[in-house]
């Protein structure tokens, strides 16, 4: 759930939530391994 919130904020260019550094590292590791589709791929017009 936290990762999806982070990804939504990242996709929409909102200010990123300020998570603790270990969680940020975990999210970056997850993002490096998992391709994240763009907003427009998820929600085609």
C-alpha atoms as a PDB file:
ATOM      1  CA  UNK A   1       0.000   0.000   0.000  1.00  0.00           C
ATOM      2  CA  UNK A   2       2.817   2.369   0.866  1.00  0.00           C
ATOM      3  CA  UNK A   3       4.516   1.596  -2.425  1.00  0.00           C
ATOM      4  CA  UNK A   4       1.368   2.352  -4.413  1.00  0.00           C
ATOM      5  CA  UNK A   5       0.972   5.702  -2.641  1.00  0.00           C
ATOM      6  CA  UNK A   6       4.609   6.510  -3.371  1.00  0.00           C
ATOM      7  CA  UNK A   7       4.184   5.534  -6.999  1.00  0.00           C
ATOM      8  CA  UNK A   8       1.048   7.643  -7.399  1.00  0.00           C
ATOM      9  CA  UNK A   9       2.818  10.686  -5.972  1.00  0.00           C
ATOM     10  CA  UNK A  10       5.808  10.022  -8.213  1.00  0.00           C
ATOM     11  CA  UNK A  11       3.707   9.592 -11.353  1.00  0.00           C
ATOM     12  CA  UNK A  12       1.702  12.739 -10.793  1.00  0.00           C
ATOM     13  CA  UNK A  13       4.740  14.860  -9.872  1.00  0.00           C
ATOM     14  CA  UNK A  14       3.366  15.654  -6.439  1.00  0.00           C
ATOM     15  CA  UNK A  15       5.571  16.347  -3.476  1.00  0.00           C
ATOM     16  CA  UNK A  16       6.848  12.972  -2.331  1.00  0.00           C
ATOM     17  CA  UNK A  17       5.935  11.796   1.157  1.00  0.00           C
ATOM     18  CA  UNK A  18       8.822  12.034   3.584  1.00  0.00           C
ATOM     19  CA  UNK A  19       9.403   8.426   4.588  1.00  0.00           C
ATOM     20  CA  UNK A  20      12.168   7.155   6.808  1.00  0.00           C
ATOM     21  CA  UNK A  21      15.449   6.505   4.943  1.00  0.00           C
ATOM     22  CA  UNK A  22      15.332   2.675   5.278  1.00  0.00           C
ATOM     23  CA  UNK A  23      11.860   2.653   3.718  1.00  0.00           C
ATOM     24  CA  UNK A  24      13.014   4.987   0.956  1.00  0.00           C
ATOM     25  CA  UNK A  25      15.860   2.582   0.196  1.00  0.00           C
ATOM     26  CA  UNK A  26      13.432  -0.340   0.124  1.00  0.00           C
ATOM     27  CA  UNK A  27      11.097   1.534  -2.220  1.00  0.00           C
ATOM     28  CA  UNK A  28      13.965   2.477  -4.526  1.00  0.00           C
ATOM     29  CA  UNK A  29      15.082  -1.162  -4.575  1.00  0.00           C
ATOM     30  CA  UNK A  30      11.520  -2.253  -5.404  1.00  0.00           C
ATOM     31  CA  UNK A  31      11.227   0.364  -8.142  1.00  0.00           C
ATOM     32  CA  UNK A  32      14.561  -0.698  -9.630  1.00  0.00           C
ATOM     33  CA  UNK A  33      13.308  -4.283  -9.971  1.00  0.00           C
ATOM     34  CA  UNK A  34       9.720  -3.515 -10.982  1.00  0.00           C
ATOM     35  CA  UNK A  35       8.841  -1.563 -14.128  1.00  0.00           C
ATOM     36  CA  UNK A  36       6.206   1.014 -13.250  1.00  0.00           C
ATOM     37  CA  UNK A  37       3.745   1.792 -16.050  1.00  0.00           C
ATOM     38  CA  UNK A  38       3.133   5.441 -16.736  1.00  0.00           C
ATOM     39  CA  UNK A  39      -0.077   7.159 -15.671  1.00  0.00           C
ATOM     40  CA  UNK A  40      -1.255   7.212 -19.283  1.00  0.00           C
ATOM     41  CA  UNK A  41      -0.621   3.508 -19.727  1.00  0.00           C
ATOM     42  CA  UNK A  42      -2.657   2.766 -16.623  1.00  0.00           C
ATOM     43  CA  UNK A  43      -5.486   5.147 -17.513  1.00  0.00           C
ATOM     44  CA  UNK A  44      -5.693   5.527 -21.294  1.00  0.00           C
ATOM     45  CA  UNK A  45      -7.687   8.516 -22.483  1.00  0.00           C
END
